[in-house]
N, C-alpha and C. Protein backbone atom coordinates (compact mmCIF):
# COMPACT_ATOMS: atom_id res chain seq x y z
N MET A 1 3.17 -0.17 -6.97
CA MET A 1 2.33 0.84 -6.39
C MET A 1 1.96 1.97 -7.47
N ALA A 2 2.93 2.28 -8.48
CA ALA A 2 2.13 3.03 -9.35
C ALA A 2 1.32 2.51 -10.36
N ALA A 3 0.81 1.35 -10.35
CA ALA A 3 -0.18 0.91 -10.85
C ALA A 3 -1.37 1.40 -9.92
N GLY A 4 -1.58 1.00 -8.84
CA GLY A 4 -2.51 1.56 -7.66
C GLY A 4 -2.98 2.91 -8.00
N ARG A 5 -1.76 3.73 -7.93
CA ARG A 5 -1.98 5.17 -8.07
C ARG A 5 -2.99 5.31 -9.50
N GLN A 6 -2.46 4.80 -10.78
CA GLN A 6 -3.16 4.94 -11.88
C GLN A 6 -4.54 4.36 -11.89
N ALA A 7 -4.74 3.41 -11.21
CA ALA A 7 -6.15 2.92 -11.14
C ALA A 7 -7.09 3.84 -10.06
N ARG A 8 -6.52 4.22 -9.25
CA ARG A 8 -7.13 5.15 -8.38
C ARG A 8 -7.58 6.56 -8.92
N ASP A 9 -6.69 6.96 -9.69
CA ASP A 9 -6.81 8.29 -10.90
C ASP A 9 -7.89 8.15 -11.66
N LEU A 10 -7.84 6.89 -12.24
CA LEU A 10 -8.80 6.49 -13.23
C LEU A 10 -10.47 6.03 -12.97
N GLY A 11 -10.35 5.80 -11.34
CA GLY A 11 -11.78 5.32 -10.61
C GLY A 11 -11.55 3.99 -10.92
N VAL A 12 -10.71 3.05 -11.47
CA VAL A 12 -10.91 1.75 -11.49
C VAL A 12 -10.33 0.67 -10.35
N ASP A 13 -10.24 1.23 -9.13
CA ASP A 13 -9.26 0.66 -8.17
C ASP A 13 -10.55 -0.58 -7.37
N ASP A 14 -11.63 -0.54 -7.73
CA ASP A 14 -12.27 -1.54 -7.08
C ASP A 14 -11.52 -2.85 -6.83
N GLY A 15 -11.30 -3.42 -8.36
CA GLY A 15 -10.74 -4.84 -8.06
C GLY A 15 -9.41 -4.91 -7.18
N LEU A 16 -8.69 -3.56 -7.54
CA LEU A 16 -7.34 -3.62 -6.75
C LEU A 16 -7.48 -3.58 -5.23
N ALA A 17 -8.50 -2.65 -4.88
CA ALA A 17 -8.91 -2.17 -3.41
C ALA A 17 -9.37 -4.53 -2.86
N GLN A 18 -10.34 -4.70 -3.42
CA GLN A 18 -10.55 -6.13 -3.11
C GLN A 18 -9.35 -7.32 -3.19
N HIS A 19 -8.31 -6.71 -3.99
CA HIS A 19 -7.16 -7.87 -3.83
C HIS A 19 -5.76 -7.17 -3.25
N ALA A 20 -5.89 -6.30 -2.45
CA ALA A 20 -4.76 -5.52 -2.01
C ALA A 20 -4.25 -6.29 -1.09
N GLU A 21 -4.52 -6.85 -0.21
CA GLU A 21 -3.66 -7.63 0.89
C GLU A 21 -2.74 -8.72 0.12
N PRO A 22 -3.64 -9.71 -0.52
CA PRO A 22 -3.02 -10.70 -1.00
C PRO A 22 -1.78 -10.58 -2.15
N LEU A 23 -2.01 -9.41 -3.05
CA LEU A 23 -1.04 -8.72 -3.68
C LEU A 23 0.12 -8.23 -2.90
N LEU A 24 -0.24 -7.55 -1.72
CA LEU A 24 0.78 -7.20 -0.75
C LEU A 24 1.85 -7.97 -0.18
N LYS A 25 1.22 -9.37 -0.09
CA LYS A 25 1.84 -10.56 0.62
C LYS A 25 2.83 -10.83 -0.52
N THR A 26 3.03 -10.54 -1.83
CA THR A 26 3.90 -11.25 -2.70
C THR A 26 5.11 -10.25 -2.72
N LEU A 27 4.97 -9.18 -2.36
CA LEU A 27 6.24 -8.35 -1.80
C LEU A 27 7.19 -8.50 -1.17
N ALA A 28 8.36 -8.52 -1.30
CA ALA A 28 9.38 -8.85 -0.24
C ALA A 28 8.98 -7.32 0.56
N LEU A 29 9.56 -7.91 2.11
CA LEU A 29 9.62 -6.25 2.60
C LEU A 29 10.01 -5.46 2.31
N ASP A 30 11.03 -5.28 1.63
CA ASP A 30 11.77 -3.96 1.12
C ASP A 30 10.70 -3.42 -0.34
N GLY A 31 10.35 -4.13 -0.93
CA GLY A 31 9.18 -3.75 -1.68
C GLY A 31 7.98 -2.76 -1.00
N LEU A 32 7.76 -3.04 0.15
CA LEU A 32 6.55 -2.66 0.94
C LEU A 32 7.28 -1.51 1.63
N GLN A 33 8.36 -1.03 1.69
CA GLN A 33 9.11 0.03 2.12
C GLN A 33 9.21 1.29 0.57
N ARG A 34 8.63 0.57 -0.45
CA ARG A 34 8.66 1.48 -1.61
C ARG A 34 7.33 2.75 -1.69
N PRO A 35 6.22 2.36 -1.14
CA PRO A 35 4.95 3.07 -1.60
C PRO A 35 5.10 4.84 -0.89
N ARG A 36 4.75 5.63 -1.56
CA ARG A 36 4.15 6.73 -1.08
C ARG A 36 3.28 6.67 -0.02
N PRO A 37 3.54 7.97 0.76
CA PRO A 37 2.25 8.05 1.79
C PRO A 37 1.08 8.21 1.52
N THR A 38 0.91 8.38 0.49
CA THR A 38 -0.56 8.64 -0.25
C THR A 38 -0.99 7.15 -0.59
N ASP A 39 -0.04 6.27 -1.24
CA ASP A 39 -0.41 4.85 -1.22
C ASP A 39 -0.79 4.27 0.24
N THR A 40 0.34 4.17 0.93
CA THR A 40 -0.29 3.71 2.57
C THR A 40 -1.35 3.94 3.07
N ASP A 41 -2.02 5.32 2.92
CA ASP A 41 -2.76 5.94 3.59
C ASP A 41 -4.29 5.00 2.86
N TRP A 42 -4.21 5.24 1.64
CA TRP A 42 -5.50 4.38 0.92
C TRP A 42 -5.21 3.09 1.27
N LEU A 43 -4.25 2.33 1.08
CA LEU A 43 -4.03 0.59 1.51
C LEU A 43 -4.44 0.43 2.87
N GLN A 44 -3.90 1.26 3.98
CA GLN A 44 -3.93 0.55 5.30
C GLN A 44 -5.54 0.18 5.75
N PRO A 45 -6.66 0.84 5.29
CA PRO A 45 -7.85 0.24 5.68
C PRO A 45 -8.12 -0.99 5.03
N LEU A 46 -7.73 -1.41 4.12
CA LEU A 46 -7.90 -2.45 3.36
C LEU A 46 -7.10 -3.68 3.83
N VAL A 47 -6.21 -3.37 4.40
CA VAL A 47 -5.07 -4.67 4.83
C VAL A 47 -5.61 -5.06 6.86
N ARG A 48 -5.57 -6.42 6.99
CA ARG A 48 -5.87 -6.77 8.31
C ARG A 48 -4.58 -7.60 8.83
N ASP A 49 -3.90 -7.78 7.68
CA ASP A 49 -2.43 -8.62 8.44
C ASP A 49 -1.62 -7.57 8.99
N ALA A 50 -1.33 -8.09 10.29
CA ALA A 50 -0.81 -7.09 11.00
C ALA A 50 0.70 -6.87 10.64
N THR A 51 1.24 -7.93 10.20
CA THR A 51 2.85 -7.31 9.39
C THR A 51 2.73 -6.56 8.76
N LEU A 52 1.97 -6.91 7.41
CA LEU A 52 1.89 -5.83 6.54
C LEU A 52 1.21 -4.28 6.92
N LEU A 53 0.56 -4.22 7.84
CA LEU A 53 0.10 -3.05 8.55
C LEU A 53 1.34 -2.19 8.94
N ASP A 54 2.03 -3.43 9.77
CA ASP A 54 3.29 -2.45 10.78
C ASP A 54 4.25 -1.91 9.35
N GLU A 55 4.51 -2.74 8.09
CA GLU A 55 5.38 -2.25 6.96
C GLU A 55 5.04 -1.07 6.72
N LEU A 56 3.40 -0.95 6.32
CA LEU A 56 3.15 0.07 5.50
C LEU A 56 3.13 1.51 6.39
N THR A 57 2.83 1.15 7.87
CA THR A 57 2.95 2.45 8.78
C THR A 57 4.28 2.80 8.79
N LEU A 58 5.67 1.84 8.88
CA LEU A 58 7.05 2.37 8.68
C LEU A 58 7.56 2.91 7.29
N ALA A 59 6.71 2.64 6.40
CA ALA A 59 6.82 3.47 5.17
C ALA A 59 6.62 4.71 5.23
N THR A 60 5.19 4.80 5.65
CA THR A 60 4.63 6.28 5.81
C THR A 60 5.75 7.31 6.73
N ARG A 61 5.99 6.82 8.13
CA ARG A 61 6.75 7.34 8.65
C ARG A 61 7.99 7.88 8.21
N ARG A 62 8.74 7.01 7.43
CA ARG A 62 9.83 7.58 6.71
C ARG A 62 9.76 8.20 5.76
N TRP A 63 8.84 8.41 4.83
CA TRP A 63 8.48 9.39 3.51
C TRP A 63 8.36 10.82 4.50
N ARG A 64 7.34 10.52 5.78
CA ARG A 64 6.90 12.04 6.18
C ARG A 64 8.08 12.54 6.82
N GLN A 65 9.17 11.61 7.35
CA GLN A 65 10.45 12.59 8.15
C GLN A 65 11.12 13.43 6.77
N GLN A 66 11.39 12.47 5.99
CA GLN A 66 12.17 13.19 5.02
C GLN A 66 11.82 14.74 4.68
């Protein structure tokens, strides 16, 4: 997720956006609980898989409750 933040900060996130869903599918479910809300806010519009979207939404909720 840190690489995604750096890519966005540098303005080179096109390739990352294009491959976001396949890359996220390689993570274990506990890995999907690590992104920050700013990561999930950026990723959610790129993801179509319902399971991935649910996990990203859960990660966002957990961060924002703390």
